[in-house]
Amino acid sequence: MSANNIVRILGLLAAVVAALISGGFPYDATVIAILGLVGGYYVGAGDRTAYLVLAVALAAVHGAIDGIPGVGMYVTSILGQVSNLVSAGAVTVIVVHIYEELTA
């Protein structure tokens, strides 16, 4: 299993656990942000645009189904944490792209 897959799995696991446990776990936002930043490093040059679109789309729509009784608040919470993870990764994608443009 590659480091890329390990970071993605850990990030998603941390996001789901933080969303489902009342109050999250200690330093959950920090853990999710760090895993997102590291995960963004592994996004390939050909996938950057799709990744940035995913980050914007998740941030825009993660609360759209909050009104569904029973499961809506859980799905919204999970998607919100995944949005935080992907948004942190988007920061790395942007920084890596700028670095590559400046050093090319």
PDB file of N, CA and C in Angstrom:
ATOM      1  N   MET A   1       0.857  -1.172   0.000  1.00  0.00           N
ATOM      2  CA  MET A   1       0.000   0.000   0.000  1.00  0.00           C
ATOM      3  C   MET A   1       0.902   1.233   0.000  1.00  0.00           C
ATOM      4  N   SER A   2       0.597   2.172  -0.869  1.00  0.00           N
ATOM      5  CA  SER A   2       1.425   3.362  -1.011  1.00  0.00           C
ATOM      6  C   SER A   2       1.138   4.376   0.098  1.00  0.00           C
ATOM      7  N   ALA A   3       2.071   5.289   0.279  1.00  0.00           N
ATOM      8  CA  ALA A   3       1.898   6.343   1.285  1.00  0.00           C
ATOM      9  C   ALA A   3       0.681   7.205   0.957  1.00  0.00           C
ATOM     10  N   ASN A   4       0.435   7.412  -0.317  1.00  0.00           N
ATOM     11  CA  ASN A   4      -0.722   8.177  -0.765  1.00  0.00           C
ATOM     12  C   ASN A   4      -2.015   7.552  -0.250  1.00  0.00           C
ATOM     13  N   ASN A   5      -2.156   6.251  -0.448  1.00  0.00           N
ATOM     14  CA  ASN A   5      -3.373   5.557  -0.001  1.00  0.00           C
ATOM     15  C   ASN A   5      -3.508   5.565   1.514  1.00  0.00           C
ATOM     16  N   ILE A   6      -2.402   5.414   2.216  1.00  0.00           N
ATOM     17  CA  ILE A   6      -2.444   5.424   3.679  1.00  0.00           C
ATOM     18  C   ILE A   6      -2.913   6.776   4.194  1.00  0.00           C
ATOM     19  N   VAL A   7      -2.377   7.849   3.634  1.00  0.00           N
ATOM     20  CA  VAL A   7      -2.772   9.194   4.063  1.00  0.00           C
ATOM     21  C   VAL A   7      -4.244   9.447   3.759  1.00  0.00           C
ATOM     22  N   ARG A   8      -4.703   9.029   2.597  1.00  0.00           N
ATOM     23  CA  ARG A   8      -6.119   9.230   2.244  1.00  0.00           C
ATOM     24  C   ARG A   8      -7.043   8.439   3.167  1.00  0.00           C
ATOM     25  N   ILE A   9      -6.699   7.195   3.448  1.00  0.00           N
ATOM     26  CA  ILE A   9      -7.525   6.374   4.333  1.00  0.00           C
ATOM     27  C   ILE A   9      -7.547   6.957   5.736  1.00  0.00           C
ATOM     28  N   LEU A  10      -6.380   7.341   6.249  1.00  0.00           N
ATOM     29  CA  LEU A  10      -6.325   7.942   7.582  1.00  0.00           C
ATOM     30  C   LEU A  10      -7.119   9.246   7.640  1.00  0.00           C
ATOM     31  N   GLY A  11      -7.032  10.048   6.586  1.00  0.00           N
ATOM     32  CA  GLY A  11      -7.780  11.297   6.536  1.00  0.00           C
ATOM     33  C   GLY A  11      -9.279  11.075   6.553  1.00  0.00           C
ATOM     34  N   LEU A  12      -9.737  10.154   5.732  1.00  0.00           N
ATOM     35  CA  LEU A  12     -11.168   9.858   5.699  1.00  0.00           C
ATOM     36  C   LEU A  12     -11.643   9.246   7.006  1.00  0.00           C
ATOM     37  N   LEU A  13     -10.835   8.374   7.585  1.00  0.00           N
ATOM     38  CA  LEU A  13     -11.181   7.776   8.869  1.00  0.00           C
ATOM     39  C   LEU A  13     -11.266   8.842   9.964  1.00  0.00           C
ATOM     40  N   ALA A  14     -10.310   9.739  10.005  1.00  0.00           N
ATOM     41  CA  ALA A  14     -10.326  10.817  10.999  1.00  0.00           C
ATOM     42  C   ALA A  14     -11.541  11.715  10.801  1.00  0.00           C
ATOM     43  N   ALA A  15     -11.889  12.012   9.544  1.00  0.00           N
ATOM     44  CA  ALA A  15     -13.040  12.859   9.269  1.00  0.00           C
ATOM     45  C   ALA A  15     -14.341  12.200   9.727  1.00  0.00           C
ATOM     46  N   VAL A  16     -14.499  10.924   9.449  1.00  0.00           N
ATOM     47  CA  VAL A  16     -15.718  10.209   9.843  1.00  0.00           C
ATOM     48  C   VAL A  16     -15.805  10.094  11.362  1.00  0.00           C
ATOM     49  N   VAL A  17     -14.705   9.754  12.005  1.00  0.00           N
ATOM     50  CA  VAL A  17     -14.712   9.627  13.463  1.00  0.00           C
ATOM     51  C   VAL A  17     -15.009  10.975  14.113  1.00  0.00           C
ATOM     52  N   ALA A  18     -14.384  12.031  13.623  1.00  0.00           N
ATOM     53  CA  ALA A  18     -14.623  13.367  14.180  1.00  0.00           C
ATOM     54  C   ALA A  18     -16.079  13.791  13.992  1.00  0.00           C
ATOM     55  N   ALA A  19     -16.678  13.373  12.882  1.00  0.00           N
ATOM     56  CA  ALA A  19     -18.067  13.752  12.614  1.00  0.00           C
ATOM     57  C   ALA A  19     -19.052  12.972  13.471  1.00  0.00           C
ATOM     58  N   LEU A  20     -18.760  11.729  13.754  1.00  0.00           N
ATOM     59  CA  LEU A  20     -19.727  10.884  14.445  1.00  0.00           C
ATOM     60  C   LEU A  20     -19.598  10.900  15.965  1.00  0.00           C
ATOM     61  N   ILE A  21     -18.431  11.243  16.480  1.00  0.00           N
ATOM     62  CA  ILE A  21     -18.250  11.317  17.932  1.00  0.00           C
ATOM     63  C   ILE A  21     -18.640  12.711  18.393  1.00  0.00           C
ATOM     64  N   SER A  22     -19.498  12.780  19.376  1.00  0.00           N
ATOM     65  CA  SER A  22     -19.925  14.068  19.912  1.00  0.00           C
ATOM     66  C   SER A  22     -18.719  14.826  20.451  1.00  0.00           C
ATOM     67  N   GLY A  23     -18.463  15.986  19.904  1.00  0.00           N
ATOM     68  CA  GLY A  23     -17.317  16.781  20.328  1.00  0.00           C
ATOM     69  C   GLY A  23     -16.018  16.376  19.663  1.00  0.00           C
ATOM     70  N   GLY A  24     -16.069  15.395  18.784  1.00  0.00           N
ATOM     71  CA  GLY A  24     -14.868  14.949  18.080  1.00  0.00           C
ATOM     72  C   GLY A  24     -13.889  14.269  19.012  1.00  0.00           C
ATOM     73  N   PHE A  25     -12.632  14.282  18.648  1.00  0.00           N
ATOM     74  CA  PHE A  25     -11.567  13.743  19.490  1.00  0.00           C
ATOM     75  C   PHE A  25     -10.534  14.851  19.679  1.00  0.00           C
ATOM     76  N   PRO A  26      -9.642  14.707  20.644  1.00  0.00           N
ATOM     77  CA  PRO A  26      -8.678  15.785  20.892  1.00  0.00           C
ATOM     78  C   PRO A  26      -7.887  16.141  19.631  1.00  0.00           C
ATOM     79  N   TYR A  27      -7.850  17.417  19.343  1.00  0.00           N
ATOM     80  CA  TYR A  27      -7.108  17.946  18.190  1.00  0.00           C
ATOM     81  C   TYR A  27      -7.604  17.392  16.865  1.00  0.00           C
ATOM     82  N   ASP A  28      -8.896  17.099  16.770  1.00  0.00           N
ATOM     83  CA  ASP A  28      -9.421  16.525  15.526  1.00  0.00           C
ATOM     84  C   ASP A  28      -9.242  17.463  14.341  1.00  0.00           C
ATOM     85  N   ALA A  29      -9.470  18.756  14.532  1.00  0.00           N
ATOM     86  CA  ALA A  29      -9.308  19.703  13.423  1.00  0.00           C
ATOM     87  C   ALA A  29      -7.853  19.775  12.973  1.00  0.00           C
ATOM     88  N   THR A  30      -6.935  19.698  13.923  1.00  0.00           N
ATOM     89  CA  THR A  30      -5.514  19.739  13.589  1.00  0.00           C
ATOM     90  C   THR A  30      -5.097  18.485  12.826  1.00  0.00           C
ATOM     91  N   VAL A  31      -5.555  17.338  13.284  1.00  0.00           N
ATOM     92  CA  VAL A  31      -5.229  16.069  12.616  1.00  0.00           C
ATOM     93  C   VAL A  31      -5.780  16.064  11.195  1.00  0.00           C
ATOM     94  N   ILE A  32      -7.029  16.499  11.033  1.00  0.00           N
ATOM     95  CA  ILE A  32      -7.638  16.522   9.702  1.00  0.00           C
ATOM     96  C   ILE A  32      -6.905  17.501   8.790  1.00  0.00           C
ATOM     97  N   ALA A  33      -6.541  18.664   9.318  1.00  0.00           N
ATOM     98  CA  ALA A  33      -5.824  19.650   8.509  1.00  0.00           C
ATOM     99  C   ALA A  33      -4.458  19.121   8.068  1.00  0.00           C
ATOM    100  N   ILE A  34      -3.717  18.493   8.980  1.00  0.00           N
ATOM    101  CA  ILE A  34      -2.389  17.970   8.631  1.00  0.00           C
ATOM    102  C   ILE A  34      -2.504  16.843   7.614  1.00  0.00           C
ATOM    103  N   LEU A  35      -3.456  15.936   7.818  1.00  0.00           N
ATOM    104  CA  LEU A  35      -3.640  14.851   6.846  1.00  0.00           C
ATOM    105  C   LEU A  35      -4.078  15.400   5.487  1.00  0.00           C
ATOM    106  N   GLY A  36      -4.892  16.439   5.487  1.00  0.00           N
ATOM    107  CA  GLY A  36      -5.289  17.072   4.237  1.00  0.00           C
ATOM    108  C   GLY A  36      -4.118  17.730   3.531  1.00  0.00           C
ATOM    109  N   LEU A  37      -3.290  18.442   4.294  1.00  0.00           N
ATOM    110  CA  LEU A  37      -2.113  19.084   3.705  1.00  0.00           C
ATOM    111  C   LEU A  37      -1.166  18.057   3.093  1.00  0.00           C
ATOM    112  N   VAL A  38      -0.933  16.971   3.804  1.00  0.00           N
ATOM    113  CA  VAL A  38      -0.048  15.913   3.292  1.00  0.00           C
ATOM    114  C   VAL A  38      -0.687  15.228   2.086  1.00  0.00           C
ATOM    115  N   GLY A  39      -1.984  14.955   2.169  1.00  0.00           N
ATOM    116  CA  GLY A  39      -2.679  14.301   1.056  1.00  0.00           C
ATOM    117  C   GLY A  39      -2.666  15.137  -0.212  1.00  0.00           C
ATOM    118  N   GLY A  40      -2.713  16.441  -0.067  1.00  0.00           N
ATOM    119  CA  GLY A  40      -2.674  17.323  -1.228  1.00  0.00           C
ATOM    120  C   GLY A  40      -1.368  17.238  -1.988  1.00  0.00           C
ATOM    121  N   TYR A  41      -0.301  16.873  -1.295  1.00  0.00           N
ATOM    122  CA  TYR A  41       0.998  16.735  -1.940  1.00  0.00           C
ATOM    123  C   TYR A  41       0.989  15.608  -2.972  1.00  0.00           C
ATOM    124  N   TYR A  42       0.175  14.609  -2.748  1.00  0.00           N
ATOM    125  CA  TYR A  42       0.142  13.437  -3.632  1.00  0.00           C
ATOM    126  C   TYR A  42      -0.811  13.592  -4.818  1.00  0.00           C
ATOM    127  N   VAL A  43      -1.469  14.719  -4.940  1.00  0.00           N
ATOM    128  CA  VAL A  43      -2.360  14.946  -6.079  1.00  0.00           C
ATOM    129  C   VAL A  43      -1.494  15.214  -7.303  1.00  0.00           C
ATOM    130  N   GLY A  44      -1.697  14.417  -8.334  1.00  0.00           N
ATOM    131  CA  GLY A  44      -0.902  14.551  -9.548  1.00  0.00           C
ATOM    132  C   GLY A  44      -1.254  15.808 -10.331  1.00  0.00           C
ATOM    133  N   ALA A  45      -0.341  16.233 -11.176  1.00  0.00           N
ATOM    134  CA  ALA A  45      -0.535  17.456 -11.957  1.00  0.00           C
ATOM    135  C   ALA A  45      -1.795  17.378 -12.819  1.00  0.00           C
ATOM    136  N   GLY A  46      -2.108  16.215 -13.327  1.00  0.00           N
ATOM    137  CA  GLY A  46      -3.293  16.066 -14.169  1.00  0.00           C
ATOM    138  C   GLY A  46      -4.601  16.051 -13.408  1.00  0.00           C
ATOM    139  N   ASP A  47      -4.529  15.849 -12.106  1.00  0.00           N
ATOM    140  CA  ASP A  47      -5.734  15.774 -11.281  1.00  0.00           C
ATOM    141  C   ASP A  47      -5.993  17.031 -10.461  1.00  0.00           C
ATOM    142  N   ARG A  48      -5.156  18.025 -10.597  1.00  0.00           N
ATOM    143  CA  ARG A  48      -5.266  19.216  -9.740  1.00  0.00           C
ATOM    144  C   ARG A  48      -6.553  19.988  -9.954  1.00  0.00           C
ATOM    145  N   THR A  49      -6.931  20.179 -11.187  1.00  0.00           N
ATOM    146  CA  THR A  49      -8.150  20.944 -11.445  1.00  0.00           C
ATOM    147  C   THR A  49      -9.362  20.227 -10.866  1.00  0.00           C
ATOM    148  N   ALA A  50      -9.461  18.939 -11.071  1.00  0.00           N
ATOM    149  CA  ALA A  50     -10.576  18.168 -10.527  1.00  0.00           C
ATOM    150  C   ALA A  50     -10.578  18.221  -9.003  1.00  0.00           C
ATOM    151  N   TYR A  51      -9.411  18.180  -8.390  1.00  0.00           N
ATOM    152  CA  TYR A  51      -9.314  18.229  -6.929  1.00  0.00           C
ATOM    153  C   TYR A  51      -9.797  19.584  -6.402  1.00  0.00           C
ATOM    154  N   LEU A  52      -9.399  20.661  -7.075  1.00  0.00           N
ATOM    155  CA  LEU A  52      -9.837  21.994  -6.651  1.00  0.00           C
ATOM    156  C   LEU A  52     -11.342  22.175  -6.839  1.00  0.00           C
ATOM    157  N   VAL A  53     -11.884  21.622  -7.912  1.00  0.00           N
ATOM    158  CA  VAL A  53     -13.337  21.667  -8.117  1.00  0.00           C
ATOM    159  C   VAL A  53     -14.038  20.879  -7.022  1.00  0.00           C
ATOM    160  N   LEU A  54     -13.498  19.717  -6.653  1.00  0.00           N
ATOM    161  CA  LEU A  54     -14.055  18.924  -5.560  1.00  0.00           C
ATOM    162  C   LEU A  54     -14.058  19.722  -4.263  1.00  0.00           C
ATOM    163  N   ALA A  55     -12.987  20.427  -3.967  1.00  0.00           N
ATOM    164  CA  ALA A  55     -12.903  21.219  -2.736  1.00  0.00           C
ATOM    165  C   ALA A  55     -13.976  22.302  -2.706  1.00  0.00           C
ATOM    166  N   VAL A  56     -14.150  23.000  -3.805  1.00  0.00           N
ATOM    167  CA  VAL A  56     -15.162  24.058  -3.869  1.00  0.00           C
ATOM    168  C   VAL A  56     -16.566  23.466  -3.790  1.00  0.00           C
ATOM    169  N   ALA A  57     -16.793  22.371  -4.504  1.00  0.00           N
ATOM    170  CA  ALA A  57     -18.120  21.743  -4.503  1.00  0.00           C
ATOM    171  C   ALA A  57     -18.485  21.217  -3.117  1.00  0.00           C
ATOM    172  N   LEU A  58     -17.570  20.561  -2.434  1.00  0.00           N
ATOM    173  CA  LEU A  58     -17.860  20.063  -1.088  1.00  0.00           C
ATOM    174  C   LEU A  58     -18.155  21.199  -0.125  1.00  0.00           C
ATOM    175  N   ALA A  59     -17.392  22.268  -0.229  1.00  0.00           N
ATOM    176  CA  ALA A  59     -17.623  23.415   0.654  1.00  0.00           C
ATOM    177  C   ALA A  59     -18.992  24.037   0.393  1.00  0.00           C
ATOM    178  N   ALA A  60     -19.429  23.997  -0.857  1.00  0.00           N
ATOM    179  CA  ALA A  60     -20.700  24.625  -1.215  1.00  0.00           C
ATOM    180  C   ALA A  60     -21.918  23.781  -0.851  1.00  0.00           C
ATOM    181  N   VAL A  61     -21.818  22.477  -0.959  1.00  0.00           N
ATOM    182  CA  VAL A  61     -23.024  21.651  -0.846  1.00  0.00           C
ATOM    183  C   VAL A  61     -23.056  20.691   0.332  1.00  0.00           C
ATOM    184  N   HIS A  62     -22.045  20.683   1.193  1.00  0.00           N
ATOM    185  CA  HIS A  62     -22.023  19.654   2.233  1.00  0.00           C
ATOM    186  C   HIS A  62     -23.205  19.729   3.190  1.00  0.00           C
ATOM    187  N   GLY A  63     -23.878  20.847   3.292  1.00  0.00           N
ATOM    188  CA  GLY A  63     -25.023  20.962   4.191  1.00  0.00           C
ATOM    189  C   GLY A  63     -26.372  20.845   3.515  1.00  0.00           C
ATOM    190  N   ALA A  64     -26.389  20.454   2.261  1.00  0.00           N
ATOM    191  CA  ALA A  64     -27.619  20.467   1.479  1.00  0.00           C
ATOM    192  C   ALA A  64     -28.671  19.469   1.942  1.00  0.00           C
ATOM    193  N   ILE A  65     -28.274  18.383   2.561  1.00  0.00           N
ATOM    194  CA  ILE A  65     -29.257  17.362   2.951  1.00  0.00           C
ATOM    195  C   ILE A  65     -29.454  17.289   4.461  1.00  0.00           C
ATOM    196  N   ASP A  66     -29.150  18.367   5.126  1.00  0.00           N
ATOM    197  CA  ASP A  66     -29.288  18.405   6.584  1.00  0.00           C
ATOM    198  C   ASP A  66     -30.733  18.204   7.024  1.00  0.00           C
ATOM    199  N   GLY A  67     -31.674  18.537   6.181  1.00  0.00           N
ATOM    200  CA  GLY A  67     -33.081  18.448   6.546  1.00  0.00           C
ATOM    201  C   GLY A  67     -33.685  17.059   6.497  1.00  0.00           C
ATOM    202  N   ILE A  68     -32.956  16.081   6.010  1.00  0.00           N
ATOM    203  CA  ILE A  68     -33.491  14.717   5.959  1.00  0.00           C
ATOM    204  C   ILE A  68     -33.500  14.150   7.373  1.00  0.00           C
ATOM    205  N   PRO A  69     -34.671  13.755   7.863  1.00  0.00           N
ATOM    206  CA  PRO A  69     -34.752  13.254   9.238  1.00  0.00           C
ATOM    207  C   PRO A  69     -33.936  11.984   9.443  1.00  0.00           C
ATOM    208  N   GLY A  70     -33.313  11.890  10.575  1.00  0.00           N
ATOM    209  CA  GLY A  70     -32.594  10.675  10.947  1.00  0.00           C
ATOM    210  C   GLY A  70     -31.154  10.630  10.488  1.00  0.00           C
ATOM    211  N   VAL A  71     -30.895  10.764   9.205  1.00  0.00           N
ATOM    212  CA  VAL A  71     -29.540  10.604   8.696  1.00  0.00           C
ATOM    213  C   VAL A  71     -28.921  11.903   8.189  1.00  0.00           C
ATOM    214  N   GLY A  72     -29.735  12.890   7.924  1.00  0.00           N
ATOM    215  CA  GLY A  72     -29.247  14.125   7.315  1.00  0.00           C
ATOM    216  C   GLY A  72     -28.147  14.805   8.098  1.00  0.00           C
ATOM    217  N   MET A  73     -28.322  14.893   9.419  1.00  0.00           N
ATOM    218  CA  MET A  73     -27.308  15.595  10.210  1.00  0.00           C
ATOM    219  C   MET A  73     -25.998  14.812  10.256  1.00  0.00           C
ATOM    220  N   TYR A  74     -26.059  13.490  10.209  1.00  0.00           N
ATOM    221  CA  TYR A  74     -24.831  12.687  10.220  1.00  0.00           C
ATOM    222  C   TYR A  74     -24.088  12.806   8.895  1.00  0.00           C
ATOM    223  N   VAL A  75     -24.822  12.714   7.802  1.00  0.00           N
ATOM    224  CA  VAL A  75     -24.196  12.834   6.483  1.00  0.00           C
ATOM    225  C   VAL A  75     -23.618  14.230   6.305  1.00  0.00           C
ATOM    226  N   THR A  76     -24.357  15.242   6.758  1.00  0.00           N
ATOM    227  CA  THR A  76     -23.865  16.612   6.670  1.00  0.00           C
ATOM    228  C   THR A  76     -22.593  16.790   7.485  1.00  0.00           C
ATOM    229  N   SER A  77     -22.558  16.222   8.674  1.00  0.00           N
ATOM    230  CA  SER A  77     -21.376  16.328   9.524  1.00  0.00           C
ATOM    231  C   SER A  77     -20.174  15.630   8.896  1.00  0.00           C
ATOM    232  N   ILE A  78     -20.389  14.446   8.350  1.00  0.00           N
ATOM    233  CA  ILE A  78     -19.296  13.712   7.702  1.00  0.00           C
ATOM    234  C   ILE A  78     -18.792  14.487   6.484  1.00  0.00           C
ATOM    235  N   LEU A  79     -19.709  14.957   5.643  1.00  0.00           N
ATOM    236  CA  LEU A  79     -19.292  15.710   4.459  1.00  0.00           C
ATOM    237  C   LEU A  79     -18.603  17.016   4.834  1.00  0.00           C
ATOM    238  N   GLY A  80     -19.013  17.618   5.946  1.00  0.00           N
ATOM    239  CA  GLY A  80     -18.356  18.833   6.420  1.00  0.00           C
ATOM    240  C   GLY A  80     -16.907  18.568   6.809  1.00  0.00           C
ATOM    241  N   GLN A  81     -16.673  17.457   7.510  1.00  0.00           N
ATOM    242  CA  GLN A  81     -15.302  17.104   7.898  1.00  0.00           C
ATOM    243  C   GLN A  81     -14.467  16.704   6.674  1.00  0.00           C
ATOM    244  N   VAL A  82     -15.084  15.996   5.739  1.00  0.00           N
ATOM    245  CA  VAL A  82     -14.370  15.647   4.497  1.00  0.00           C
ATOM    246  C   VAL A  82     -14.054  16.913   3.713  1.00  0.00           C
ATOM    247  N   SER A  83     -14.964  17.883   3.737  1.00  0.00           N
ATOM    248  CA  SER A  83     -14.712  19.166   3.092  1.00  0.00           C
ATOM    249  C   SER A  83     -13.506  19.857   3.714  1.00  0.00           C
ATOM    250  N   ASN A  84     -13.391  19.807   5.034  1.00  0.00           N
ATOM    251  CA  ASN A  84     -12.224  20.384   5.703  1.00  0.00           C
ATOM    252  C   ASN A  84     -10.939  19.682   5.268  1.00  0.00           C
ATOM    253  N   LEU A  85     -10.999  18.373   5.162  1.00  0.00           N
ATOM    254  CA  LEU A  85      -9.849  17.574   4.732  1.00  0.00           C
ATOM    255  C   LEU A  85      -9.425  17.951   3.312  1.00  0.00           C
ATOM    256  N   VAL A  86     -10.383  17.982   2.405  1.00  0.00           N
ATOM    257  CA  VAL A  86     -10.090  18.274   1.000  1.00  0.00           C
ATOM    258  C   VAL A  86      -9.652  19.729   0.835  1.00  0.00           C
ATOM    259  N   SER A  87     -10.239  20.643   1.589  1.00  0.00           N
ATOM    260  CA  SER A  87      -9.839  22.054   1.496  1.00  0.00           C
ATOM    261  C   SER A  87      -8.401  22.257   1.954  1.00  0.00           C
ATOM    262  N   ALA A  88      -7.995  21.538   2.991  1.00  0.00           N
ATOM    263  CA  ALA A  88      -6.595  21.609   3.423  1.00  0.00           C
ATOM    264  C   ALA A  88      -5.678  21.059   2.327  1.00  0.00           C
ATOM    265  N   GLY A  89      -6.104  19.985   1.684  1.00  0.00           N
ATOM    266  CA  GLY A  89      -5.334  19.450   0.571  1.00  0.00           C
ATOM    267  C   GLY A  89      -5.250  20.426  -0.590  1.00  0.00           C
ATOM    268  N   ALA A  90      -6.317  21.179  -0.808  1.00  0.00           N
ATOM    269  CA  ALA A  90      -6.325  22.167  -1.887  1.00  0.00           C
ATOM    270  C   ALA A  90      -5.276  23.250  -1.655  1.00  0.00           C
ATOM    271  N   VAL A  91      -5.028  23.582  -0.398  1.00  0.00           N
ATOM    272  CA  VAL A  91      -3.980  24.557  -0.085  1.00  0.00           C
ATOM    273  C   VAL A  91      -2.635  24.036  -0.578  1.00  0.00           C
ATOM    274  N   THR A  92      -2.346  22.773  -0.302  1.00  0.00           N
ATOM    275  CA  THR A  92      -1.088  22.189  -0.755  1.00  0.00           C
ATOM    276  C   THR A  92      -1.027  22.133  -2.273  1.00  0.00           C
ATOM    277  N   VAL A  93      -2.128  21.773  -2.907  1.00  0.00           N
ATOM    278  CA  VAL A  93      -2.165  21.719  -4.373  1.00  0.00           C
ATOM    279  C   VAL A  93      -1.832  23.090  -4.955  1.00  0.00           C
ATOM    280  N   ILE A  94      -2.389  24.134  -4.388  1.00  0.00           N
ATOM    281  CA  ILE A  94      -2.139  25.487  -4.886  1.00  0.00           C
ATOM    282  C   ILE A  94      -0.683  25.885  -4.656  1.00  0.00           C
ATOM    283  N   VAL A  95      -0.166  25.605  -3.466  1.00  0.00           N
ATOM    284  CA  VAL A  95       1.226  25.969  -3.162  1.00  0.00           C
ATOM    285  C   VAL A  95       2.195  25.202  -4.058  1.00  0.00           C
ATOM    286  N   VAL A  96       1.960  23.917  -4.259  1.00  0.00           N
ATOM    287  CA  VAL A  96       2.831  23.120  -5.126  1.00  0.00           C
ATOM    288  C   VAL A  96       2.781  23.654  -6.561  1.00  0.00           C
ATOM    289  N   HIS A  97       1.592  24.012  -7.017  1.00  0.00           N
ATOM    290  CA  HIS A  97       1.466  24.549  -8.384  1.00  0.00           C
ATOM    291  C   HIS A  97       2.233  25.865  -8.520  1.00  0.00           C
ATOM    292  N   ILE A  98       2.092  26.741  -7.530  1.00  0.00           N
ATOM    293  CA  ILE A  98       2.827  28.018  -7.585  1.00  0.00           C
ATOM    294  C   ILE A  98       4.328  27.769  -7.559  1.00  0.00           C
ATOM    295  N   TYR A  99       4.782  26.869  -6.709  1.00  0.00           N
ATOM    296  CA  TYR A  99       6.208  26.545  -6.648  1.00  0.00           C
ATOM    297  C   TYR A  99       6.708  26.023  -7.987  1.00  0.00           C
ATOM    298  N   GLU A 100       5.938  25.126  -8.600  1.00  0.00           N
ATOM    299  CA  GLU A 100       6.364  24.583  -9.891  1.00  0.00           C
ATOM    300  C   GLU A 100       6.405  25.654 -10.966  1.00  0.00           C
ATOM    301  N   GLU A 101       5.459  26.580 -10.923  1.00  0.00           N
ATOM    302  CA  GLU A 101       5.459  27.663 -11.912  1.00  0.00           C
ATOM    303  C   GLU A 101       6.663  28.605 -11.724  1.00  0.00           C
ATOM    304  N   LEU A 102       7.013  28.853 -10.469  1.00  0.00           N
ATOM    305  CA  LEU A 102       8.128  29.753 -10.199  1.00  0.00           C
ATOM    306  C   LEU A 102       9.494  29.128 -10.498  1.00  0.00           C
ATOM    307  N   THR A 103       9.581  27.815 -10.383  1.00  0.00           N
ATOM    308  CA  THR A 103      10.870  27.147 -10.602  1.00  0.00           C
ATOM    309  C   THR A 103      11.012  26.546 -12.006  1.00  0.00           C
ATOM    310  N   ALA A 104       9.994  26.681 -12.808  1.00  0.00           N
ATOM    311  CA  ALA A 104      10.062  26.111 -14.165  1.00  0.00           C
ATOM    312  C   ALA A 104      10.879  26.966 -15.105  1.00  0.00           C
TER     313      ALA A 104
END
